[in-house]
Amino acid sequence: MKRFLPWIIGAVVIFAIYSWASGIYNTAVTLDQDVKESWGNVNTSYQRRNDLIPNIVSTVKGYAEHEKSTLTAVIEARAKATSVTIDPSNVTPEQLAAFNSAQSGVSSSLSRLLVSVEQYPNLKADASFMKLQDELASTENQILTARTRFNESVKPYNNNINTFPRNILAGMYGLKEKPYFEAVAGAEKPVEVKF
């Protein structure tokens, strides 16, 4: 029996190390799936906004024929935003910044469109336009919530793969830190309101 004791101890140690290493990897995979799910929710929210844009543009177009440049800017920003795609498993800070920049272009052009709408009292009173405007506001809130939840799912993943000794195994597995959504450049400046 004493002859097999070193083999038994060795087997127990190897099993313990295997369990520990696979536990770290499995936790990282689970957290990575949470990040991917959150990213899908972000994309769904942005897609909803992109789906609303043609309806808003066509409604405004009927009232504001000479606002073509603003309408064109909205359509072009939407096209640019939908052309930027990201694989959540390999997302880099640069890709997320490009995505964020494209989406802020949509927000900016939509803001200019809604400001130009102020010149058309009949349009502001139009029930379908009001409904679209409410849906757009609701969608912007959903985007904010989805981005916040994405950042909340990135944090445990990054914590998991960056803490010692997990970071050693994460490096061996090729797991990389995922970037957070950040505010758009210039968002720290206060909004200037003119009357």
N, C-alpha and C. Protein backbone atom coordinates (compact mmCIF):
# COMPACT_ATOMS: atom_id res chain seq x y z
N MET A 1 0.82 -1.19 0.00
CA MET A 1 0.00 0.00 0.00
C MET A 1 0.86 1.25 0.00
N LYS A 2 1.98 1.21 0.76
CA LYS A 2 2.86 2.37 0.81
C LYS A 2 3.47 2.64 -0.56
N ARG A 3 3.59 1.63 -1.35
CA ARG A 3 4.15 1.77 -2.68
C ARG A 3 3.25 2.61 -3.59
N PHE A 4 1.94 2.54 -3.41
CA PHE A 4 0.99 3.27 -4.25
C PHE A 4 0.67 4.67 -3.72
N LEU A 5 1.07 4.97 -2.49
CA LEU A 5 0.76 6.26 -1.87
C LEU A 5 1.30 7.44 -2.68
N PRO A 6 2.54 7.45 -3.17
CA PRO A 6 3.00 8.58 -4.00
C PRO A 6 2.17 8.73 -5.29
N TRP A 7 1.75 7.60 -5.88
CA TRP A 7 0.93 7.68 -7.08
C TRP A 7 -0.45 8.27 -6.79
N ILE A 8 -1.00 7.89 -5.68
CA ILE A 8 -2.32 8.40 -5.27
C ILE A 8 -2.22 9.89 -5.00
N ILE A 9 -1.19 10.30 -4.26
CA ILE A 9 -1.00 11.73 -3.96
C ILE A 9 -0.78 12.50 -5.26
N GLY A 10 0.04 11.96 -6.15
CA GLY A 10 0.29 12.61 -7.44
C GLY A 10 -0.99 12.76 -8.25
N ALA A 11 -1.81 11.71 -8.26
CA ALA A 11 -3.07 11.75 -9.00
C ALA A 11 -4.02 12.79 -8.41
N VAL A 12 -4.06 12.87 -7.08
CA VAL A 12 -4.92 13.86 -6.41
C VAL A 12 -4.44 15.27 -6.74
N VAL A 13 -3.14 15.50 -6.70
CA VAL A 13 -2.59 16.82 -7.02
C VAL A 13 -2.87 17.19 -8.47
N ILE A 14 -2.66 16.26 -9.38
CA ILE A 14 -2.94 16.53 -10.80
C ILE A 14 -4.42 16.81 -11.02
N PHE A 15 -5.28 16.04 -10.38
CA PHE A 15 -6.72 16.28 -10.50
C PHE A 15 -7.10 17.64 -9.94
N ALA A 16 -6.50 18.02 -8.80
CA ALA A 16 -6.79 19.33 -8.20
C ALA A 16 -6.35 20.46 -9.14
N ILE A 17 -5.17 20.34 -9.72
CA ILE A 17 -4.68 21.37 -10.64
C ILE A 17 -5.57 21.43 -11.88
N TYR A 18 -5.94 20.26 -12.40
CA TYR A 18 -6.82 20.22 -13.57
C TYR A 18 -8.17 20.87 -13.25
N SER A 19 -8.73 20.55 -12.11
CA SER A 19 -10.03 21.12 -11.72
C SER A 19 -9.93 22.64 -11.57
N TRP A 20 -8.86 23.09 -10.95
CA TRP A 20 -8.66 24.52 -10.74
C TRP A 20 -8.51 25.24 -12.09
N ALA A 21 -7.68 24.71 -12.98
CA ALA A 21 -7.45 25.34 -14.29
C ALA A 21 -8.71 25.31 -15.15
N SER A 22 -9.40 24.20 -15.16
CA SER A 22 -10.62 24.14 -15.97
C SER A 22 -11.71 25.02 -15.37
N GLY A 23 -11.73 25.16 -14.06
CA GLY A 23 -12.70 26.06 -13.42
C GLY A 23 -12.47 27.51 -13.84
N ILE A 24 -11.20 27.92 -13.89
CA ILE A 24 -10.87 29.28 -14.33
C ILE A 24 -11.32 29.48 -15.77
N TYR A 25 -10.99 28.52 -16.62
CA TYR A 25 -11.36 28.64 -18.03
C TYR A 25 -12.88 28.63 -18.21
N ASN A 26 -13.56 27.74 -17.54
CA ASN A 26 -15.02 27.65 -17.67
C ASN A 26 -15.71 28.91 -17.17
N THR A 27 -15.19 29.49 -16.10
CA THR A 27 -15.74 30.75 -15.61
C THR A 27 -15.55 31.84 -16.65
N ALA A 28 -14.36 31.90 -17.25
CA ALA A 28 -14.09 32.90 -18.28
C ALA A 28 -15.02 32.72 -19.48
N VAL A 29 -15.25 31.48 -19.87
CA VAL A 29 -16.15 31.21 -21.00
C VAL A 29 -17.57 31.66 -20.66
N THR A 30 -18.03 31.36 -19.47
CA THR A 30 -19.37 31.77 -19.04
C THR A 30 -19.50 33.29 -19.04
N LEU A 31 -18.51 33.97 -18.49
CA LEU A 31 -18.55 35.43 -18.46
C LEU A 31 -18.43 36.02 -19.86
N ASP A 32 -17.66 35.37 -20.74
CA ASP A 32 -17.56 35.82 -22.12
C ASP A 32 -18.92 35.70 -22.81
N GLN A 33 -19.65 34.65 -22.53
CA GLN A 33 -20.99 34.49 -23.11
C GLN A 33 -21.92 35.59 -22.61
N ASP A 34 -21.77 35.99 -21.35
CA ASP A 34 -22.56 37.10 -20.82
C ASP A 34 -22.25 38.40 -21.58
N VAL A 35 -20.97 38.61 -21.87
CA VAL A 35 -20.57 39.80 -22.63
C VAL A 35 -21.17 39.75 -24.03
N LYS A 36 -21.12 38.59 -24.68
CA LYS A 36 -21.69 38.45 -26.02
C LYS A 36 -23.20 38.70 -26.01
N GLU A 37 -23.88 38.19 -24.99
CA GLU A 37 -25.32 38.44 -24.88
C GLU A 37 -25.60 39.93 -24.71
N SER A 38 -24.82 40.57 -23.85
CA SER A 38 -24.99 42.01 -23.64
C SER A 38 -24.72 42.78 -24.91
N TRP A 39 -23.71 42.36 -25.67
CA TRP A 39 -23.41 43.03 -26.94
C TRP A 39 -24.57 42.86 -27.91
N GLY A 40 -25.17 41.69 -27.93
CA GLY A 40 -26.34 41.47 -28.77
C GLY A 40 -27.47 42.41 -28.40
N ASN A 41 -27.65 42.66 -27.12
CA ASN A 41 -28.69 43.59 -26.67
C ASN A 41 -28.36 45.02 -27.10
N VAL A 42 -27.08 45.39 -27.07
CA VAL A 42 -26.68 46.72 -27.55
C VAL A 42 -27.02 46.83 -29.03
N ASN A 43 -26.64 45.83 -29.81
CA ASN A 43 -26.93 45.85 -31.24
C ASN A 43 -28.42 45.91 -31.52
N THR A 44 -29.20 45.17 -30.75
CA THR A 44 -30.65 45.19 -30.93
C THR A 44 -31.22 46.58 -30.69
N SER A 45 -30.73 47.26 -29.67
CA SER A 45 -31.21 48.61 -29.37
C SER A 45 -30.84 49.57 -30.49
N TYR A 46 -29.60 49.49 -30.96
CA TYR A 46 -29.20 50.36 -32.06
C TYR A 46 -29.97 50.03 -33.34
N GLN A 47 -30.25 48.75 -33.56
CA GLN A 47 -31.01 48.36 -34.74
C GLN A 47 -32.42 48.93 -34.68
N ARG A 48 -33.00 48.95 -33.50
CA ARG A 48 -34.34 49.53 -33.36
C ARG A 48 -34.33 51.00 -33.75
N ARG A 49 -33.28 51.71 -33.29
CA ARG A 49 -33.18 53.12 -33.67
C ARG A 49 -32.99 53.25 -35.18
N ASN A 50 -32.13 52.41 -35.75
CA ASN A 50 -31.91 52.48 -37.20
C ASN A 50 -33.17 52.15 -37.99
N ASP A 51 -34.02 51.29 -37.44
CA ASP A 51 -35.28 50.97 -38.10
C ASP A 51 -36.28 52.12 -38.03
N LEU A 52 -36.20 52.93 -36.98
CA LEU A 52 -37.11 54.07 -36.83
C LEU A 52 -36.73 55.23 -37.76
N ILE A 53 -35.45 55.34 -38.08
CA ILE A 53 -34.98 56.51 -38.83
C ILE A 53 -35.70 56.68 -40.17
N PRO A 54 -35.87 55.64 -41.00
CA PRO A 54 -36.58 55.86 -42.27
C PRO A 54 -38.01 56.40 -42.07
N ASN A 55 -38.69 55.94 -41.02
CA ASN A 55 -40.04 56.44 -40.75
C ASN A 55 -40.03 57.91 -40.37
N ILE A 56 -39.07 58.28 -39.54
CA ILE A 56 -38.97 59.69 -39.15
C ILE A 56 -38.62 60.55 -40.35
N VAL A 57 -37.65 60.10 -41.13
CA VAL A 57 -37.22 60.87 -42.30
C VAL A 57 -38.37 61.04 -43.29
N SER A 58 -39.12 59.98 -43.56
CA SER A 58 -40.22 60.11 -44.53
C SER A 58 -41.34 60.99 -43.99
N THR A 59 -41.58 60.97 -42.68
CA THR A 59 -42.60 61.84 -42.10
C THR A 59 -42.18 63.30 -42.20
N VAL A 60 -40.93 63.57 -41.86
CA VAL A 60 -40.44 64.95 -41.94
C VAL A 60 -40.36 65.41 -43.39
N LYS A 61 -40.00 64.52 -44.29
CA LYS A 61 -39.83 64.87 -45.70
C LYS A 61 -41.12 65.45 -46.27
N GLY A 62 -42.23 64.92 -45.84
CA GLY A 62 -43.50 65.42 -46.34
C GLY A 62 -43.77 66.87 -45.93
N TYR A 63 -43.25 67.28 -44.79
CA TYR A 63 -43.49 68.63 -44.29
C TYR A 63 -42.36 69.59 -44.64
N ALA A 64 -41.16 69.11 -44.68
CA ALA A 64 -40.00 69.99 -44.77
C ALA A 64 -39.18 69.66 -46.01
N GLU A 65 -39.71 70.01 -47.15
CA GLU A 65 -39.05 69.65 -48.41
C GLU A 65 -37.69 70.33 -48.55
N HIS A 66 -37.51 71.52 -47.98
CA HIS A 66 -36.22 72.20 -48.16
C HIS A 66 -35.19 71.81 -47.10
N GLU A 67 -35.48 70.84 -46.24
CA GLU A 67 -34.52 70.34 -45.25
C GLU A 67 -33.77 69.12 -45.78
N LYS A 68 -33.57 69.07 -47.09
CA LYS A 68 -32.96 67.89 -47.72
C LYS A 68 -31.57 67.60 -47.17
N SER A 69 -30.78 68.63 -46.90
CA SER A 69 -29.41 68.38 -46.42
C SER A 69 -29.43 67.71 -45.06
N THR A 70 -30.34 68.12 -44.20
CA THR A 70 -30.44 67.50 -42.88
C THR A 70 -30.93 66.06 -43.01
N LEU A 71 -31.93 65.85 -43.86
CA LEU A 71 -32.44 64.50 -44.07
C LEU A 71 -31.36 63.60 -44.67
N THR A 72 -30.61 64.12 -45.61
CA THR A 72 -29.52 63.35 -46.22
C THR A 72 -28.47 62.99 -45.19
N ALA A 73 -28.15 63.94 -44.30
CA ALA A 73 -27.15 63.68 -43.25
C ALA A 73 -27.60 62.55 -42.34
N VAL A 74 -28.89 62.52 -42.02
CA VAL A 74 -29.41 61.45 -41.17
C VAL A 74 -29.30 60.10 -41.88
N ILE A 75 -29.67 60.07 -43.13
CA ILE A 75 -29.62 58.82 -43.90
C ILE A 75 -28.18 58.33 -44.04
N GLU A 76 -27.26 59.26 -44.32
CA GLU A 76 -25.85 58.87 -44.47
C GLU A 76 -25.26 58.39 -43.15
N ALA A 77 -25.61 59.05 -42.06
CA ALA A 77 -25.11 58.63 -40.74
C ALA A 77 -25.64 57.24 -40.39
N ARG A 78 -26.90 56.99 -40.73
CA ARG A 78 -27.47 55.66 -40.47
C ARG A 78 -26.74 54.60 -41.28
N ALA A 79 -26.45 54.90 -42.54
CA ALA A 79 -25.73 53.94 -43.39
C ALA A 79 -24.34 53.66 -42.84
N LYS A 80 -23.66 54.70 -42.40
CA LYS A 80 -22.32 54.53 -41.83
C LYS A 80 -22.38 53.70 -40.55
N ALA A 81 -23.37 53.98 -39.71
CA ALA A 81 -23.49 53.27 -38.44
C ALA A 81 -23.80 51.79 -38.65
N THR A 82 -24.61 51.48 -39.63
CA THR A 82 -24.95 50.07 -39.86
C THR A 82 -23.83 49.31 -40.55
N SER A 83 -22.86 50.03 -41.12
CA SER A 83 -21.74 49.35 -41.77
C SER A 83 -20.66 48.93 -40.79
N VAL A 84 -20.66 49.47 -39.58
CA VAL A 84 -19.65 49.13 -38.57
C VAL A 84 -20.17 47.95 -37.77
N THR A 85 -19.50 46.80 -37.89
CA THR A 85 -19.89 45.62 -37.13
C THR A 85 -18.73 45.17 -36.26
N ILE A 86 -19.06 44.55 -35.16
CA ILE A 86 -18.05 44.11 -34.20
C ILE A 86 -18.35 42.68 -33.79
N ASP A 87 -17.30 41.87 -33.72
CA ASP A 87 -17.40 40.52 -33.17
C ASP A 87 -17.11 40.64 -31.67
N PRO A 88 -18.11 40.39 -30.81
CA PRO A 88 -17.90 40.62 -29.37
C PRO A 88 -16.83 39.75 -28.75
N SER A 89 -16.48 38.63 -29.38
CA SER A 89 -15.45 37.78 -28.78
C SER A 89 -14.06 38.33 -29.03
N ASN A 90 -13.89 39.18 -30.05
CA ASN A 90 -12.58 39.75 -30.37
C ASN A 90 -12.61 41.27 -30.40
N VAL A 91 -13.49 41.88 -29.64
CA VAL A 91 -13.64 43.33 -29.67
C VAL A 91 -12.38 44.00 -29.12
N THR A 92 -11.97 45.06 -29.81
CA THR A 92 -10.81 45.84 -29.36
C THR A 92 -11.29 47.25 -29.00
N PRO A 93 -10.51 47.98 -28.22
CA PRO A 93 -10.90 49.35 -27.90
C PRO A 93 -11.07 50.21 -29.17
N GLU A 94 -10.25 49.96 -30.19
CA GLU A 94 -10.34 50.74 -31.41
C GLU A 94 -11.66 50.45 -32.15
N GLN A 95 -12.05 49.16 -32.20
CA GLN A 95 -13.31 48.80 -32.86
C GLN A 95 -14.49 49.42 -32.11
N LEU A 96 -14.44 49.36 -30.79
CA LEU A 96 -15.53 49.93 -30.00
C LEU A 96 -15.59 51.45 -30.18
N ALA A 97 -14.44 52.10 -30.29
CA ALA A 97 -14.41 53.55 -30.52
C ALA A 97 -14.99 53.89 -31.88
N ALA A 98 -14.67 53.09 -32.91
CA ALA A 98 -15.22 53.33 -34.25
C ALA A 98 -16.73 53.13 -34.25
N PHE A 99 -17.20 52.10 -33.57
CA PHE A 99 -18.64 51.84 -33.47
C PHE A 99 -19.31 53.01 -32.75
N ASN A 100 -18.72 53.43 -31.64
CA ASN A 100 -19.27 54.52 -30.84
C ASN A 100 -19.30 55.81 -31.66
N SER A 101 -18.27 56.06 -32.43
CA SER A 101 -18.21 57.26 -33.26
C SER A 101 -19.30 57.24 -34.33
N ALA A 102 -19.48 56.10 -34.97
CA ALA A 102 -20.53 55.98 -36.00
C ALA A 102 -21.91 56.20 -35.40
N GLN A 103 -22.14 55.63 -34.22
CA GLN A 103 -23.45 55.79 -33.58
C GLN A 103 -23.65 57.22 -33.09
N SER A 104 -22.59 57.90 -32.66
CA SER A 104 -22.75 59.29 -32.23
C SER A 104 -23.05 60.18 -33.43
N GLY A 105 -22.58 59.78 -34.63
CA GLY A 105 -22.94 60.52 -35.84
C GLY A 105 -24.44 60.45 -36.10
N VAL A 106 -25.03 59.30 -35.84
CA VAL A 106 -26.48 59.15 -35.99
C VAL A 106 -27.19 60.04 -34.97
N SER A 107 -26.73 59.99 -33.73
CA SER A 107 -27.35 60.81 -32.68
C SER A 107 -27.27 62.30 -33.02
N SER A 108 -26.12 62.72 -33.51
CA SER A 108 -25.92 64.13 -33.85
C SER A 108 -26.83 64.56 -35.00
N SER A 109 -26.90 63.75 -36.05
CA SER A 109 -27.74 64.12 -37.19
C SER A 109 -29.23 64.07 -36.83
N LEU A 110 -29.60 63.12 -35.97
CA LEU A 110 -31.00 63.08 -35.50
C LEU A 110 -31.33 64.32 -34.68
N SER A 111 -30.39 64.76 -33.86
CA SER A 111 -30.60 65.97 -33.06
C SER A 111 -30.83 67.17 -33.96
N ARG A 112 -30.01 67.31 -35.01
CA ARG A 112 -30.18 68.42 -35.95
C ARG A 112 -31.54 68.33 -36.64
N LEU A 113 -31.96 67.11 -36.98
CA LEU A 113 -33.25 66.93 -37.62
C LEU A 113 -34.38 67.37 -36.68
N LEU A 114 -34.30 66.95 -35.43
CA LEU A 114 -35.37 67.29 -34.49
C LEU A 114 -35.38 68.79 -34.18
N VAL A 115 -34.23 69.44 -34.24
CA VAL A 115 -34.20 70.90 -34.06
C VAL A 115 -34.86 71.58 -35.25
N SER A 116 -34.61 71.07 -36.46
CA SER A 116 -35.22 71.68 -37.64
C SER A 116 -36.74 71.48 -37.64
N VAL A 117 -37.21 70.45 -36.97
CA VAL A 117 -38.65 70.18 -36.89
C VAL A 117 -39.38 71.29 -36.14
N GLU A 118 -38.67 71.97 -35.25
CA GLU A 118 -39.29 73.06 -34.48
C GLU A 118 -39.89 74.14 -35.39
N GLN A 119 -39.41 74.24 -36.61
CA GLN A 119 -39.89 75.26 -37.55
C GLN A 119 -41.24 74.88 -38.18
N TYR A 120 -41.70 73.69 -37.91
CA TYR A 120 -42.91 73.21 -38.57
C TYR A 120 -43.96 72.82 -37.53
N PRO A 121 -44.81 73.78 -37.14
CA PRO A 121 -45.81 73.49 -36.10
C PRO A 121 -46.77 72.38 -36.49
N ASN A 122 -47.13 72.28 -37.78
CA ASN A 122 -48.04 71.22 -38.20
C ASN A 122 -47.40 69.84 -38.01
N LEU A 123 -46.10 69.76 -38.28
CA LEU A 123 -45.39 68.49 -38.11
C LEU A 123 -45.31 68.13 -36.63
N LYS A 124 -45.02 69.12 -35.79
CA LYS A 124 -44.93 68.86 -34.35
C LYS A 124 -46.26 68.37 -33.80
N ALA A 125 -47.35 68.78 -34.42
CA ALA A 125 -48.67 68.37 -33.95
C ALA A 125 -49.14 67.07 -34.60
N ASP A 126 -48.43 66.60 -35.61
CA ASP A 126 -48.81 65.38 -36.32
C ASP A 126 -48.70 64.17 -35.39
N ALA A 127 -49.79 63.40 -35.28
CA ALA A 127 -49.83 62.28 -34.33
C ALA A 127 -48.79 61.21 -34.65
N SER A 128 -48.61 60.90 -35.94
CA SER A 128 -47.64 59.85 -36.27
C SER A 128 -46.22 60.32 -35.96
N PHE A 129 -45.94 61.60 -36.21
CA PHE A 129 -44.61 62.11 -35.89
C PHE A 129 -44.39 62.09 -34.37
N MET A 130 -45.39 62.48 -33.63
CA MET A 130 -45.26 62.48 -32.16
C MET A 130 -45.00 61.07 -31.65
N LYS A 131 -45.70 60.10 -32.23
CA LYS A 131 -45.49 58.71 -31.83
C LYS A 131 -44.07 58.26 -32.15
N LEU A 132 -43.59 58.61 -33.36
CA LEU A 132 -42.23 58.26 -33.74
C LEU A 132 -41.20 58.92 -32.83
N GLN A 133 -41.46 60.17 -32.48
CA GLN A 133 -40.55 60.90 -31.59
C GLN A 133 -40.51 60.24 -30.20
N ASP A 134 -41.67 59.81 -29.72
CA ASP A 134 -41.72 59.10 -28.43
C ASP A 134 -40.97 57.77 -28.51
N GLU A 135 -41.16 57.04 -29.62
CA GLU A 135 -40.45 55.77 -29.79
C GLU A 135 -38.94 55.99 -29.86
N LEU A 136 -38.54 57.07 -30.51
CA LEU A 136 -37.11 57.37 -30.59
C LEU A 136 -36.54 57.67 -29.20
N ALA A 137 -37.27 58.45 -28.40
CA ALA A 137 -36.81 58.74 -27.04
C ALA A 137 -36.73 57.46 -26.22
N SER A 138 -37.72 56.59 -26.37
CA SER A 138 -37.71 55.31 -25.66
C SER A 138 -36.52 54.46 -26.10
N THR A 139 -36.25 54.47 -27.40
CA THR A 139 -35.13 53.70 -27.94
C THR A 139 -33.80 54.22 -27.42
N GLU A 140 -33.66 55.53 -27.33
CA GLU A 140 -32.42 56.11 -26.80
C GLU A 140 -32.21 55.65 -25.35
N ASN A 141 -33.30 55.56 -24.58
CA ASN A 141 -33.19 55.05 -23.21
C ASN A 141 -32.80 53.58 -23.20
N GLN A 142 -33.34 52.81 -24.15
CA GLN A 142 -32.96 51.39 -24.25
C GLN A 142 -31.49 51.24 -24.62
N ILE A 143 -31.00 52.12 -25.49
CA ILE A 143 -29.59 52.08 -25.87
C ILE A 143 -28.72 52.36 -24.65
N LEU A 144 -29.09 53.36 -23.89
CA LEU A 144 -28.33 53.68 -22.67
C LEU A 144 -28.31 52.49 -21.71
N THR A 145 -29.46 51.87 -21.52
CA THR A 145 -29.55 50.72 -20.63
C THR A 145 -28.72 49.55 -21.16
N ALA A 146 -28.79 49.29 -22.46
CA ALA A 146 -28.03 48.18 -23.04
C ALA A 146 -26.53 48.43 -22.93
N ARG A 147 -26.10 49.66 -23.16
CA ARG A 147 -24.67 49.98 -23.02
C ARG A 147 -24.21 49.83 -21.58
N THR A 148 -25.05 50.26 -20.65
CA THR A 148 -24.70 50.12 -19.24
C THR A 148 -24.59 48.66 -18.86
N ARG A 149 -25.53 47.85 -19.31
CA ARG A 149 -25.49 46.42 -19.00
C ARG A 149 -24.30 45.73 -19.68
N PHE A 150 -23.92 46.20 -20.86
CA PHE A 150 -22.73 45.66 -21.51
C PHE A 150 -21.51 45.93 -20.63
N ASN A 151 -21.36 47.17 -20.18
CA ASN A 151 -20.23 47.50 -19.30
C ASN A 151 -20.28 46.69 -18.02
N GLU A 152 -21.48 46.46 -17.50
CA GLU A 152 -21.61 45.66 -16.28
C GLU A 152 -21.22 44.21 -16.51
N SER A 153 -21.41 43.69 -17.73
CA SER A 153 -21.01 42.31 -18.00
C SER A 153 -19.52 42.21 -18.34
N VAL A 154 -18.93 43.28 -18.82
CA VAL A 154 -17.50 43.28 -19.13
C VAL A 154 -16.67 43.27 -17.84
N LYS A 155 -17.14 43.97 -16.82
CA LYS A 155 -16.38 44.10 -15.58
C LYS A 155 -16.04 42.75 -14.94
N PRO A 156 -17.01 41.85 -14.70
CA PRO A 156 -16.63 40.57 -14.09
C PRO A 156 -15.72 39.72 -14.98
N TYR A 157 -15.92 39.82 -16.29
CA TYR A 157 -15.03 39.09 -17.21
C TYR A 157 -13.60 39.60 -17.06
N ASN A 158 -13.43 40.92 -17.14
CA ASN A 158 -12.08 41.50 -17.01
C ASN A 158 -11.49 41.20 -15.64
N ASN A 159 -12.30 41.29 -14.59
CA ASN A 159 -11.80 40.96 -13.24
C ASN A 159 -11.35 39.51 -13.19
N ASN A 160 -12.10 38.64 -13.82
CA ASN A 160 -11.79 37.21 -13.78
C ASN A 160 -10.46 36.91 -14.46
N ILE A 161 -10.22 37.51 -15.60
CA ILE A 161 -9.00 37.15 -16.33
C ILE A 161 -7.80 38.00 -15.93
N ASN A 162 -7.99 39.06 -15.16
CA ASN A 162 -6.87 39.93 -14.79
C ASN A 162 -6.36 39.72 -13.37
N THR A 163 -7.06 38.95 -12.55
CA THR A 163 -6.60 38.74 -11.17
C THR A 163 -5.62 37.58 -11.13
N PHE A 164 -4.67 37.70 -10.22
CA PHE A 164 -3.66 36.65 -10.07
C PHE A 164 -4.25 35.49 -9.28
N PRO A 165 -4.01 34.28 -9.61
CA PRO A 165 -3.18 33.71 -10.66
C PRO A 165 -3.95 33.43 -11.94
N ARG A 166 -5.19 33.85 -11.98
CA ARG A 166 -6.01 33.59 -13.18
C ARG A 166 -5.41 34.24 -14.43
N ASN A 167 -4.74 35.39 -14.25
CA ASN A 167 -4.17 36.07 -15.41
C ASN A 167 -3.11 35.22 -16.12
N ILE A 168 -2.44 34.38 -15.37
CA ILE A 168 -1.43 33.50 -15.98
C ILE A 168 -2.11 32.49 -16.91
N LEU A 169 -3.15 31.85 -16.39
CA LEU A 169 -3.87 30.88 -17.22
C LEU A 169 -4.63 31.57 -18.35
N ALA A 170 -5.17 32.76 -18.08
CA ALA A 170 -5.88 33.48 -19.14
C ALA A 170 -4.94 33.79 -20.29
N GLY A 171 -3.70 34.17 -19.96
CA GLY A 171 -2.71 34.41 -21.01
C GLY A 171 -2.41 33.16 -21.79
N MET A 172 -2.34 32.02 -21.09
CA MET A 172 -2.08 30.75 -21.78
C MET A 172 -3.25 30.37 -22.68
N TYR A 173 -4.47 30.70 -22.25
CA TYR A 173 -5.66 30.39 -23.05
C TYR A 173 -5.90 31.43 -24.15
N GLY A 174 -5.16 32.53 -24.12
CA GLY A 174 -5.33 33.58 -25.13
C GLY A 174 -6.51 34.49 -24.85
N LEU A 175 -6.97 34.55 -23.61
CA LEU A 175 -8.09 35.41 -23.26
C LEU A 175 -7.58 36.83 -23.07
N LYS A 176 -8.30 37.79 -23.65
CA LYS A 176 -7.90 39.19 -23.59
C LYS A 176 -8.98 40.02 -22.93
N GLU A 177 -8.53 41.12 -22.34
CA GLU A 177 -9.45 42.05 -21.70
C GLU A 177 -10.37 42.68 -22.76
N LYS A 178 -11.63 42.90 -22.38
CA LYS A 178 -12.60 43.51 -23.28
C LYS A 178 -12.76 44.98 -22.92
N PRO A 179 -12.95 45.84 -23.92
CA PRO A 179 -13.10 47.28 -23.63
C PRO A 179 -14.50 47.61 -23.16
N TYR A 180 -14.60 48.75 -22.48
CA TYR A 180 -15.88 49.28 -22.02
C TYR A 180 -16.37 50.32 -23.03
N PHE A 181 -17.70 50.53 -23.03
CA PHE A 181 -18.23 51.68 -23.74
C PHE A 181 -17.82 52.91 -22.96
N GLU A 182 -17.40 53.93 -23.66
CA GLU A 182 -17.04 55.19 -23.02
C GLU A 182 -17.89 56.29 -23.63
N ALA A 183 -17.91 57.42 -22.95
CA ALA A 183 -18.66 58.56 -23.45
C ALA A 183 -18.05 59.04 -24.77
N VAL A 184 -18.88 59.61 -25.60
CA VAL A 184 -18.44 60.16 -26.87
C VAL A 184 -17.55 61.37 -26.59
N ALA A 185 -16.55 61.59 -27.42
CA ALA A 185 -15.66 62.73 -27.24
C ALA A 185 -16.46 64.03 -27.19
N GLY A 186 -16.17 64.85 -26.21
CA GLY A 186 -16.86 66.12 -26.05
C GLY A 186 -18.07 66.03 -25.13
N ALA A 187 -18.41 64.84 -24.66
CA ALA A 187 -19.59 64.69 -23.81
C ALA A 187 -19.39 65.32 -22.44
N GLU A 188 -18.13 65.56 -22.07
CA GLU A 188 -17.87 66.14 -20.75
C GLU A 188 -18.17 67.64 -20.72
N LYS A 189 -18.31 68.25 -21.90
CA LYS A 189 -18.59 69.69 -21.96
C LYS A 189 -20.08 69.92 -21.73
N PRO A 190 -20.43 70.97 -21.01
CA PRO A 190 -21.85 71.25 -20.79
C PRO A 190 -22.53 71.68 -22.09
N VAL A 191 -23.80 71.34 -22.20
CA VAL A 191 -24.58 71.69 -23.37
C VAL A 191 -24.89 73.18 -23.31
N GLU A 192 -24.68 73.86 -24.44
CA GLU A 192 -24.96 75.29 -24.50
C GLU A 192 -26.39 75.49 -24.95
N VAL A 193 -27.17 76.14 -24.13
CA VAL A 193 -28.57 76.39 -24.44
C VAL A 193 -28.75 77.86 -24.77
N LYS A 194 -29.34 78.13 -25.94
CA LYS A 194 -29.57 79.52 -26.36
C LYS A 194 -31.06 79.74 -26.56
N PHE A 195 -31.52 80.86 -26.10
CA PHE A 195 -32.93 81.22 -26.28
C PHE A 195 -33.06 82.33 -27.28
